[in-house]
Amino acid sequence: MCDENNKVFYTSPVDEVQKSLRIDKFIASQITELSRAQIQRLIEDGCVFADDEAIVDKNYKTRLGDIYQIIIPEPQTAAPLPENIPLDILFEDDDLVVVNKPAGMTVHPAAGVYSGTLVNALLYHCRDSLSGIGGVARPGIVHRIDRNTSGILIVAKNDVTHRGLAEQFYNHSIERTYYAVVYGVPLPRIGTIYGNIARSPYDRKKMAIVKTGGKTAVTHYQTVETYANDAASLVKCNLETGRTHQIRVHLSSIGCNLVGDDVYEKSKKTMVKLPQNIKNYVNNFPRQALHAFSLGFIHPRTNQFLSFQTDFPEDMQTLIHNLKSISNI
């Protein structure tokens, strides 16, 4: 199935008969417009994704319940150009870069967004030292976070590192912690959300929890603080899996939609407890209040475990400060 702009395809979920097939063979059976050779080239160019991680191996085998995203680059799109955009670099060596991405920055060029991306900034900063696995448009990109999510990303400088990191994402061994400001308070306040996630059958731009099929998704959460008589709360999330929009979908499924999320419906009824000026501020927060706070992984070359974290960006700090200021109302 193709989305409305005819540039992105999604496969059906892999069933029992289709599991363990070579990825190019499976996609060719699903999308007849593409030949096996074209699909292999798309894989080489980093244009085939399982969740938000690029598939980097043409011999990759399908997994039960997987839905794959295939991005068809626009023929007229030129290679991204280096741009002198400041980067908040947490760590860098000859193999990789760990970056704190600001909210509002797209990770790589896509339809309608050809400059100002993290890739443009990386091309300027790293010059020729980025892995080629991500293709011309996505050099070095191993994984993605949403444009309006802030926080930590790893970028590979060479193909060996790229493959080593991609394998850790594939095996879900990367340690990832996020913080979200949500409407209401989760019940129970500490818990685990289980719910297979797949592309929504009603809106292909959204993900949804499905009763059958989809991909296993597990989010461990803990309520850190509550605000304004439980009108909102700060929630810490540790991902056991890393599905597209996982935190946003899982928390909304228990009635705790992220503040500022304009894709998944927000529940504003708890905001009636707030003064009008604070209520307007919270309900019009300009992006989903989600921050990729920490990330831990094994360095593919040194085998050393590395862990990084970064403070909340200013907008989330202000949001929390404003909610705290009226917590006793």
Foldseek 3Di string as FASTA:
>chain_A
DADPVRFKDKFAFQAPVQWFDQPLVRVCVGDVVDDSVRVVVQLQQQFKDFFFFGRQDRRDTHDGLTMMMGGHADPPQDQAAADQDDWAWPDDDLWKTKTWFAAQAFAWDDVPRRDRHVVNPCCNVVVLQFACSNHRTHTQAGGGDDNRATGIGMGTRYDLQSVLVNVCLVVLVKKWKKKFKWFFAFVVQWDKFWFAKDQDPVHNVDIEGDPDGHHTWMKTKHWDAAFQQRRITMMMIITSHRHHCRVQHRCVVRVTHFFQDPPDDGDLVSVVSDDPVLSVCRNPLNHGRMYGAKIWDQRSPPRDIDMDGDDRDPSNVVNVVSRRVNRPD
